[in-house]
């Protein structure tokens, strides 16, 4: 059953870049009864390994912008490390499950809203890019690093945001540079080191279930390969709205737990 869940989520990750945390963490908590902190830590390692296979496909097709990946990583990786240090010294990794569930629910709602507003944000970014190209391009690197910082903190605390929210931020910041396929590939490539560092930190904090991780990987690795292969043929707008609706419903369900 856990391998089947990994397969389905892996396909979604490969197609859209979404799902490593936004779908898997709530699934582990609500369906399998995994402790929230363990769900976050296990999912982070799961996501980092799963997305490596998707990025390999995208890299071979030239749909990864490594310059943008580097800018995001400049903000996200130090932010993830700092968040992990804070969790260690404040012992917040052992914080009660209710707080973690609330944080995950908030992250899901923010992610769902971002996905629904993605087209509007893309239009806004395109308008600003065309209207004042020099100022926008001057603003891009700083804003990208800042976006990375936000993602680093959010992903480390909840395992959510590296995929879904990352693509929303990129579609605004790079409205002309990244087409649909490059958007997915670039976001996946950035998510790997971020999820890996955050996951290893949670491993040190004792928040990883190895048996659960291996079961999820058994299904997700073929799933993400399938998803990455069909990503250029998928009706992306429909899929995005459907996932946003699911995330919103899951967030409400988790708040009621």
C-alpha atoms as a PDB file:
ATOM      1  CA  UNK A   1       0.000   0.000   0.000  1.00  0.00           C
ATOM      2  CA  UNK A   2       2.806   2.417   0.861  1.00  0.00           C
ATOM      3  CA  UNK A   3       4.617   1.527  -2.373  1.00  0.00           C
ATOM      4  CA  UNK A   4       1.440   2.289  -4.351  1.00  0.00           C
ATOM      5  CA  UNK A   5       1.205   5.655  -2.615  1.00  0.00           C
ATOM      6  CA  UNK A   6       4.830   6.310  -3.566  1.00  0.00           C
ATOM      7  CA  UNK A   7       4.095   5.377  -7.187  1.00  0.00           C
ATOM      8  CA  UNK A   8       1.163   7.781  -7.513  1.00  0.00           C
ATOM      9  CA  UNK A   9       2.928  10.679  -5.826  1.00  0.00           C
ATOM     10  CA  UNK A  10       6.068   9.987  -7.871  1.00  0.00           C
ATOM     11  CA  UNK A  11       4.093  10.340 -11.101  1.00  0.00           C
ATOM     12  CA  UNK A  12       2.694  13.701  -9.956  1.00  0.00           C
ATOM     13  CA  UNK A  13       6.193  14.887  -8.993  1.00  0.00           C
ATOM     14  CA  UNK A  14       7.566  13.953 -12.402  1.00  0.00           C
ATOM     15  CA  UNK A  15       4.769  15.675 -14.300  1.00  0.00           C
ATOM     16  CA  UNK A  16       4.446  18.904 -12.334  1.00  0.00           C
ATOM     17  CA  UNK A  17       7.325  19.189  -9.862  1.00  0.00           C
ATOM     18  CA  UNK A  18       4.645  19.145  -7.166  1.00  0.00           C
ATOM     19  CA  UNK A  19       3.948  16.484  -4.605  1.00  0.00           C
ATOM     20  CA  UNK A  20       7.092  15.540  -2.700  1.00  0.00           C
ATOM     21  CA  UNK A  21       5.830  17.221   0.447  1.00  0.00           C
ATOM     22  CA  UNK A  22       2.489  18.773  -0.448  1.00  0.00           C
ATOM     23  CA  UNK A  23       0.898  15.381  -1.104  1.00  0.00           C
ATOM     24  CA  UNK A  24       3.088  12.831   0.666  1.00  0.00           C
ATOM     25  CA  UNK A  25       3.322  14.393   4.139  1.00  0.00           C
ATOM     26  CA  UNK A  26      -0.474  14.715   4.597  1.00  0.00           C
ATOM     27  CA  UNK A  27      -0.880  11.227   3.118  1.00  0.00           C
ATOM     28  CA  UNK A  28       1.499   9.743   5.673  1.00  0.00           C
ATOM     29  CA  UNK A  29      -0.219  11.514   8.568  1.00  0.00           C
ATOM     30  CA  UNK A  30      -3.860  11.024   7.569  1.00  0.00           C
ATOM     31  CA  UNK A  31      -3.798   7.627   5.855  1.00  0.00           C
ATOM     32  CA  UNK A  32      -0.949   5.780   7.570  1.00  0.00           C
ATOM     33  CA  UNK A  33      -1.051   7.436  10.989  1.00  0.00           C
ATOM     34  CA  UNK A  34       2.626   8.453  10.956  1.00  0.00           C
ATOM     35  CA  UNK A  35       3.700  11.010  13.580  1.00  0.00           C
ATOM     36  CA  UNK A  36       3.876  14.467  11.920  1.00  0.00           C
ATOM     37  CA  UNK A  37       7.549  15.075  12.725  1.00  0.00           C
ATOM     38  CA  UNK A  38       8.462  11.631  11.360  1.00  0.00           C
ATOM     39  CA  UNK A  39       6.338  12.240   8.263  1.00  0.00           C
ATOM     40  CA  UNK A  40       8.206  15.499   7.585  1.00  0.00           C
ATOM     41  CA  UNK A  41      11.676  14.010   8.075  1.00  0.00           C
ATOM     42  CA  UNK A  42      10.997  10.819   6.103  1.00  0.00           C
ATOM     43  CA  UNK A  43       9.309  12.720   3.292  1.00  0.00           C
ATOM     44  CA  UNK A  44      12.261  15.079   2.895  1.00  0.00           C
ATOM     45  CA  UNK A  45      14.691  12.214   2.269  1.00  0.00           C
ATOM     46  CA  UNK A  46      12.123  10.471   0.081  1.00  0.00           C
ATOM     47  CA  UNK A  47      11.626  13.615  -2.002  1.00  0.00           C
ATOM     48  CA  UNK A  48      15.351  14.261  -2.476  1.00  0.00           C
ATOM     49  CA  UNK A  49      15.956  10.737  -3.772  1.00  0.00           C
ATOM     50  CA  UNK A  50      12.806  10.613  -5.899  1.00  0.00           C
ATOM     51  CA  UNK A  51      13.482  13.915  -7.630  1.00  0.00           C
ATOM     52  CA  UNK A  52      17.004  12.911  -8.624  1.00  0.00           C
ATOM     53  CA  UNK A  53      15.527  10.519 -11.171  1.00  0.00           C
ATOM     54  CA  UNK A  54      13.171  13.189 -12.528  1.00  0.00           C
ATOM     55  CA  UNK A  55      15.967  15.737 -12.885  1.00  0.00           C
ATOM     56  CA  UNK A  56      18.075  13.242 -14.838  1.00  0.00           C
ATOM     57  CA  UNK A  57      15.323  13.093 -17.458  1.00  0.00           C
ATOM     58  CA  UNK A  58      14.877  16.883 -17.551  1.00  0.00           C
ATOM     59  CA  UNK A  59      18.639  17.502 -17.745  1.00  0.00           C
ATOM     60  CA  UNK A  60      18.934  15.180 -20.732  1.00  0.00           C
ATOM     61  CA  UNK A  61      16.225  17.189 -22.474  1.00  0.00           C
ATOM     62  CA  UNK A  62      17.877  20.522 -21.626  1.00  0.00           C
ATOM     63  CA  UNK A  63      15.009  21.697 -19.418  1.00  0.00           C
ATOM     64  CA  UNK A  64      17.031  22.747 -16.351  1.00  0.00           C
ATOM     65  CA  UNK A  65      18.269  26.342 -15.953  1.00  0.00           C
ATOM     66  CA  UNK A  66      21.243  25.812 -13.648  1.00  0.00           C
ATOM     67  CA  UNK A  67      21.838  29.550 -13.240  1.00  0.00           C
ATOM     68  CA  UNK A  68      18.430  29.984 -11.619  1.00  0.00           C
ATOM     69  CA  UNK A  69      19.005  26.854  -9.530  1.00  0.00           C
ATOM     70  CA  UNK A  70      22.221  28.386  -8.180  1.00  0.00           C
ATOM     71  CA  UNK A  71      20.498  31.621  -7.195  1.00  0.00           C
ATOM     72  CA  UNK A  72      17.754  29.796  -5.312  1.00  0.00           C
ATOM     73  CA  UNK A  73      20.273  27.550  -3.571  1.00  0.00           C
ATOM     74  CA  UNK A  74      22.267  30.573  -2.359  1.00  0.00           C
ATOM     75  CA  UNK A  75      19.276  31.450  -0.209  1.00  0.00           C
ATOM     76  CA  UNK A  76      17.628  28.127   0.521  1.00  0.00           C
ATOM     77  CA  UNK A  77      20.562  25.995   1.653  1.00  0.00           C
ATOM     78  CA  UNK A  78      21.888  28.389   4.333  1.00  0.00           C
ATOM     79  CA  UNK A  79      18.291  29.012   5.457  1.00  0.00           C
ATOM     80  CA  UNK A  80      17.682  25.268   5.781  1.00  0.00           C
ATOM     81  CA  UNK A  81      20.881  24.829   7.788  1.00  0.00           C
ATOM     82  CA  UNK A  82      19.987  27.727  10.070  1.00  0.00           C
ATOM     83  CA  UNK A  83      16.464  26.367  10.619  1.00  0.00           C
ATOM     84  CA  UNK A  84      17.844  22.941  11.503  1.00  0.00           C
ATOM     85  CA  UNK A  85      20.262  24.522  13.976  1.00  0.00           C
ATOM     86  CA  UNK A  86      17.394  26.418  15.573  1.00  0.00           C
ATOM     87  CA  UNK A  87      15.347  23.225  15.806  1.00  0.00           C
ATOM     88  CA  UNK A  88      18.254  21.420  17.451  1.00  0.00           C
ATOM     89  CA  UNK A  89      19.137  24.028  20.032  1.00  0.00           C
ATOM     90  CA  UNK A  90      15.539  24.893  20.885  1.00  0.00           C
ATOM     91  CA  UNK A  91      14.484  21.230  20.852  1.00  0.00           C
ATOM     92  CA  UNK A  92      11.539  22.229  18.642  1.00  0.00           C
ATOM     93  CA  UNK A  93      11.943  18.987  16.703  1.00  0.00           C
ATOM     94  CA  UNK A  94      10.122  17.368  19.615  1.00  0.00           C
ATOM     95  CA  UNK A  95       7.331  19.940  19.591  1.00  0.00           C
ATOM     96  CA  UNK A  96       3.821  18.580  19.958  1.00  0.00           C
ATOM     97  CA  UNK A  97       2.171  17.158  16.875  1.00  0.00           C
ATOM     98  CA  UNK A  98      -0.649  19.698  16.889  1.00  0.00           C
ATOM     99  CA  UNK A  99       1.730  22.533  16.083  1.00  0.00           C
ATOM    100  CA  UNK A 100       3.324  20.640  13.208  1.00  0.00           C
ATOM    101  CA  UNK A 101      -0.070  19.737  11.758  1.00  0.00           C
ATOM    102  CA  UNK A 102      -1.119  23.392  11.915  1.00  0.00           C
ATOM    103  CA  UNK A 103       2.072  24.515  10.176  1.00  0.00           C
ATOM    104  CA  UNK A 104       1.665  21.871   7.473  1.00  0.00           C
ATOM    105  CA  UNK A 105      -1.959  22.930   6.955  1.00  0.00           C
ATOM    106  CA  UNK A 106      -0.971  26.585   6.584  1.00  0.00           C
ATOM    107  CA  UNK A 107       1.760  25.635   4.124  1.00  0.00           C
ATOM    108  CA  UNK A 108      -0.770  23.624   2.099  1.00  0.00           C
ATOM    109  CA  UNK A 109      -3.200  26.556   1.953  1.00  0.00           C
ATOM    110  CA  UNK A 110      -0.473  28.981   0.874  1.00  0.00           C
ATOM    111  CA  UNK A 111       0.697  26.508  -1.758  1.00  0.00           C
ATOM    112  CA  UNK A 112      -2.834  25.965  -3.079  1.00  0.00           C
ATOM    113  CA  UNK A 113      -3.446  29.714  -3.338  1.00  0.00           C
ATOM    114  CA  UNK A 114      -0.134  30.156  -5.115  1.00  0.00           C
ATOM    115  CA  UNK A 115      -1.058  27.504  -7.660  1.00  0.00           C
ATOM    116  CA  UNK A 116      -4.452  29.112  -8.301  1.00  0.00           C
ATOM    117  CA  UNK A 117      -2.831  32.552  -8.768  1.00  0.00           C
ATOM    118  CA  UNK A 118       0.009  31.207 -10.901  1.00  0.00           C
ATOM    119  CA  UNK A 119      -1.337  32.550 -14.216  1.00  0.00           C
ATOM    120  CA  UNK A 120      -1.999  35.974 -12.701  1.00  0.00           C
ATOM    121  CA  UNK A 121       1.479  36.128 -11.189  1.00  0.00           C
ATOM    122  CA  UNK A 122       2.994  35.086 -14.510  1.00  0.00           C
ATOM    123  CA  UNK A 123       1.111  37.897 -16.242  1.00  0.00           C
ATOM    124  CA  UNK A 124       2.221  40.405 -13.611  1.00  0.00           C
ATOM    125  CA  UNK A 125       5.822  39.290 -13.901  1.00  0.00           C
ATOM    126  CA  UNK A 126       5.700  39.490 -17.700  1.00  0.00           C
ATOM    127  CA  UNK A 127       4.236  43.014 -17.552  1.00  0.00           C
ATOM    128  CA  UNK A 128       6.922  44.244 -15.148  1.00  0.00           C
ATOM    129  CA  UNK A 129       9.657  42.513 -17.152  1.00  0.00           C
ATOM    130  CA  UNK A 130       8.565  44.155 -20.423  1.00  0.00           C
ATOM    131  CA  UNK A 131       7.623  47.557 -18.987  1.00  0.00           C
ATOM    132  CA  UNK A 132      10.940  48.152 -17.197  1.00  0.00           C
ATOM    133  CA  UNK A 133      13.366  45.446 -18.241  1.00  0.00           C
ATOM    134  CA  UNK A 134      16.503  46.939 -16.687  1.00  0.00           C
ATOM    135  CA  UNK A 135      14.996  47.450 -13.226  1.00  0.00           C
ATOM    136  CA  UNK A 136      13.333  44.030 -13.262  1.00  0.00           C
ATOM    137  CA  UNK A 137      16.549  42.251 -14.258  1.00  0.00           C
ATOM    138  CA  UNK A 138      18.420  44.148 -11.536  1.00  0.00           C
ATOM    139  CA  UNK A 139      15.799  42.984  -9.037  1.00  0.00           C
ATOM    140  CA  UNK A 140      15.774  39.337 -10.214  1.00  0.00           C
ATOM    141  CA  UNK A 141      18.916  37.940  -8.516  1.00  0.00           C
ATOM    142  CA  UNK A 142      18.179  39.472  -5.103  1.00  0.00           C
ATOM    143  CA  UNK A 143      14.536  38.428  -5.220  1.00  0.00           C
ATOM    144  CA  UNK A 144      15.493  34.902  -6.261  1.00  0.00           C
ATOM    145  CA  UNK A 145      17.863  34.505  -3.314  1.00  0.00           C
ATOM    146  CA  UNK A 146      15.154  35.889  -1.000  1.00  0.00           C
ATOM    147  CA  UNK A 147      12.662  33.391  -2.444  1.00  0.00           C
ATOM    148  CA  UNK A 148      15.218  30.673  -1.736  1.00  0.00           C
ATOM    149  CA  UNK A 149      15.468  31.758   1.912  1.00  0.00           C
ATOM    150  CA  UNK A 150      11.701  31.536   2.308  1.00  0.00           C
ATOM    151  CA  UNK A 151      11.603  28.105   0.691  1.00  0.00           C
ATOM    152  CA  UNK A 152      14.508  26.890   2.829  1.00  0.00           C
ATOM    153  CA  UNK A 153      12.726  27.723   6.074  1.00  0.00           C
ATOM    154  CA  UNK A 154       9.316  26.460   4.945  1.00  0.00           C
ATOM    155  CA  UNK A 155      10.578  23.175   3.515  1.00  0.00           C
ATOM    156  CA  UNK A 156      12.700  22.377   6.556  1.00  0.00           C
ATOM    157  CA  UNK A 157       9.799  22.936   8.932  1.00  0.00           C
ATOM    158  CA  UNK A 158       7.034  21.242   6.921  1.00  0.00           C
ATOM    159  CA  UNK A 159       8.629  19.467   3.886  1.00  0.00           C
ATOM    160  CA  UNK A 160       6.208  21.502   1.743  1.00  0.00           C
ATOM    161  CA  UNK A 161       7.013  24.236  -0.790  1.00  0.00           C
ATOM    162  CA  UNK A 162      10.062  23.101  -2.740  1.00  0.00           C
ATOM    163  CA  UNK A 163       7.913  21.973  -5.671  1.00  0.00           C
ATOM    164  CA  UNK A 164       4.546  23.683  -5.777  1.00  0.00           C
ATOM    165  CA  UNK A 165       5.404  27.042  -4.218  1.00  0.00           C
ATOM    166  CA  UNK A 166       8.800  27.075  -5.907  1.00  0.00           C
ATOM    167  CA  UNK A 167       7.242  26.960  -9.366  1.00  0.00           C
ATOM    168  CA  UNK A 168       4.846  29.789  -8.463  1.00  0.00           C
ATOM    169  CA  UNK A 169       7.728  32.015  -7.386  1.00  0.00           C
ATOM    170  CA  UNK A 170       9.761  31.178 -10.479  1.00  0.00           C
ATOM    171  CA  UNK A 171       6.912  31.855 -12.886  1.00  0.00           C
ATOM    172  CA  UNK A 172       6.759  35.410 -11.512  1.00  0.00           C
ATOM    173  CA  UNK A 173      10.502  36.001 -11.290  1.00  0.00           C
ATOM    174  CA  UNK A 174      11.357  34.511 -14.710  1.00  0.00           C
ATOM    175  CA  UNK A 175       8.272  35.035 -16.924  1.00  0.00           C
ATOM    176  CA  UNK A 176      10.259  35.058 -20.181  1.00  0.00           C
ATOM    177  CA  UNK A 177      13.311  32.968 -19.352  1.00  0.00           C
ATOM    178  CA  UNK A 178      11.523  29.807 -18.171  1.00  0.00           C
ATOM    179  CA  UNK A 179       8.941  28.047 -20.313  1.00  0.00           C
ATOM    180  CA  UNK A 180       6.642  25.382 -18.847  1.00  0.00           C
ATOM    181  CA  UNK A 181       9.099  22.514 -19.227  1.00  0.00           C
ATOM    182  CA  UNK A 182      12.090  24.479 -17.936  1.00  0.00           C
ATOM    183  CA  UNK A 183      10.011  25.646 -15.007  1.00  0.00           C
ATOM    184  CA  UNK A 184       9.402  22.066 -13.870  1.00  0.00           C
ATOM    185  CA  UNK A 185      12.971  20.909 -14.509  1.00  0.00           C
ATOM    186  CA  UNK A 186      14.573  23.909 -12.789  1.00  0.00           C
ATOM    187  CA  UNK A 187      12.320  23.647  -9.760  1.00  0.00           C
ATOM    188  CA  UNK A 188      13.049  19.926  -9.427  1.00  0.00           C
ATOM    189  CA  UNK A 189      16.796  20.511  -9.654  1.00  0.00           C
ATOM    190  CA  UNK A 190      16.681  23.089  -6.857  1.00  0.00           C
ATOM    191  CA  UNK A 191      14.498  20.885  -4.670  1.00  0.00           C
ATOM    192  CA  UNK A 192      17.076  18.077  -4.527  1.00  0.00           C
ATOM    193  CA  UNK A 193      19.861  19.726  -2.452  1.00  0.00           C
ATOM    194  CA  UNK A 194      17.306  21.567  -0.328  1.00  0.00           C
ATOM    195  CA  UNK A 195      15.323  18.443   0.535  1.00  0.00           C
ATOM    196  CA  UNK A 196      18.528  16.441   1.028  1.00  0.00           C
ATOM    197  CA  UNK A 197      20.077  18.875   3.507  1.00  0.00           C
ATOM    198  CA  UNK A 198      16.804  19.305   5.387  1.00  0.00           C
ATOM    199  CA  UNK A 199      16.218  15.537   5.353  1.00  0.00           C
ATOM    200  CA  UNK A 200      19.681  14.737   6.678  1.00  0.00           C
ATOM    201  CA  UNK A 201      19.124  17.288   9.422  1.00  0.00           C
ATOM    202  CA  UNK A 202      15.878  15.590  10.413  1.00  0.00           C
ATOM    203  CA  UNK A 203      17.718  12.261  10.326  1.00  0.00           C
ATOM    204  CA  UNK A 204      20.130  13.573  12.955  1.00  0.00           C
ATOM    205  CA  UNK A 205      17.136  14.764  14.975  1.00  0.00           C
ATOM    206  CA  UNK A 206      15.657  11.245  14.842  1.00  0.00           C
ATOM    207  CA  UNK A 207      12.716  12.078  12.584  1.00  0.00           C
ATOM    208  CA  UNK A 208      13.223   9.472   9.817  1.00  0.00           C
ATOM    209  CA  UNK A 209      11.565   6.043   9.536  1.00  0.00           C
ATOM    210  CA  UNK A 210      13.839   3.907   7.317  1.00  0.00           C
ATOM    211  CA  UNK A 211      11.332   1.114   6.709  1.00  0.00           C
ATOM    212  CA  UNK A 212       8.740   3.631   5.566  1.00  0.00           C
ATOM    213  CA  UNK A 213      11.285   5.392   3.374  1.00  0.00           C
ATOM    214  CA  UNK A 214      12.275   2.227   1.497  1.00  0.00           C
ATOM    215  CA  UNK A 215       8.640   1.252   0.927  1.00  0.00           C
ATOM    216  CA  UNK A 216       7.851   4.665  -0.547  1.00  0.00           C
ATOM    217  CA  UNK A 217      10.917   4.623  -2.786  1.00  0.00           C
ATOM    218  CA  UNK A 218       9.985   1.212  -4.185  1.00  0.00           C
ATOM    219  CA  UNK A 219       6.988   2.832  -5.850  1.00  0.00           C
ATOM    220  CA  UNK A 220       8.095   6.412  -6.353  1.00  0.00           C
ATOM    221  CA  UNK A 221      11.248   5.865  -8.433  1.00  0.00           C
ATOM    222  CA  UNK A 222       9.395   4.275 -11.375  1.00  0.00           C
ATOM    223  CA  UNK A 223       6.566   6.731 -10.800  1.00  0.00           C
ATOM    224  CA  UNK A 224       8.690   9.845 -11.191  1.00  0.00           C
ATOM    225  CA  UNK A 225      10.325   8.434 -14.329  1.00  0.00           C
ATOM    226  CA  UNK A 226       6.891   7.869 -15.851  1.00  0.00           C
ATOM    227  CA  UNK A 227       5.731  11.327 -14.825  1.00  0.00           C
ATOM    228  CA  UNK A 228       8.819  13.080 -16.203  1.00  0.00           C
ATOM    229  CA  UNK A 229       8.408  11.275 -19.527  1.00  0.00           C
ATOM    230  CA  UNK A 230       4.800  12.387 -20.000  1.00  0.00           C
ATOM    231  CA  UNK A 231       5.228  15.908 -18.570  1.00  0.00           C
ATOM    232  CA  UNK A 232       5.447  17.533 -22.009  1.00  0.00           C
ATOM    233  CA  UNK A 233       2.141  15.905 -23.025  1.00  0.00           C
ATOM    234  CA  UNK A 234       0.098  16.558 -19.891  1.00  0.00           C
ATOM    235  CA  UNK A 235      -2.725  19.190 -19.633  1.00  0.00           C
ATOM    236  CA  UNK A 236      -0.783  21.256 -17.109  1.00  0.00           C
ATOM    237  CA  UNK A 237      -3.461  23.881 -16.334  1.00  0.00           C
ATOM    238  CA  UNK A 238      -6.107  21.277 -15.494  1.00  0.00           C
ATOM    239  CA  UNK A 239      -3.651  19.287 -13.382  1.00  0.00           C
ATOM    240  CA  UNK A 240      -2.553  22.398 -11.490  1.00  0.00           C
ATOM    241  CA  UNK A 241      -6.108  23.414 -10.571  1.00  0.00           C
ATOM    242  CA  UNK A 242      -6.979  19.855  -9.588  1.00  0.00           C
ATOM    243  CA  UNK A 243      -3.953  19.574  -7.301  1.00  0.00           C
ATOM    244  CA  UNK A 244      -4.678  22.991  -5.770  1.00  0.00           C
ATOM    245  CA  UNK A 245      -8.203  21.821  -4.946  1.00  0.00           C
ATOM    246  CA  UNK A 246      -6.887  18.627  -3.390  1.00  0.00           C
ATOM    247  CA  UNK A 247      -4.327  20.526  -1.299  1.00  0.00           C
ATOM    248  CA  UNK A 248      -6.984  22.897  -0.004  1.00  0.00           C
ATOM    249  CA  UNK A 249      -9.266  20.006   0.971  1.00  0.00           C
ATOM    250  CA  UNK A 250      -6.383  18.163   2.666  1.00  0.00           C
ATOM    251  CA  UNK A 251      -5.442  21.300   4.619  1.00  0.00           C
ATOM    252  CA  UNK A 252      -8.984  21.598   5.979  1.00  0.00           C
ATOM    253  CA  UNK A 253      -8.998  17.894   6.867  1.00  0.00           C
ATOM    254  CA  UNK A 254      -5.683  18.195   8.751  1.00  0.00           C
ATOM    255  CA  UNK A 255      -6.922  21.187  10.718  1.00  0.00           C
ATOM    256  CA  UNK A 256      -9.888  19.078  11.832  1.00  0.00           C
ATOM    257  CA  UNK A 257      -7.658  16.226  13.100  1.00  0.00           C
END
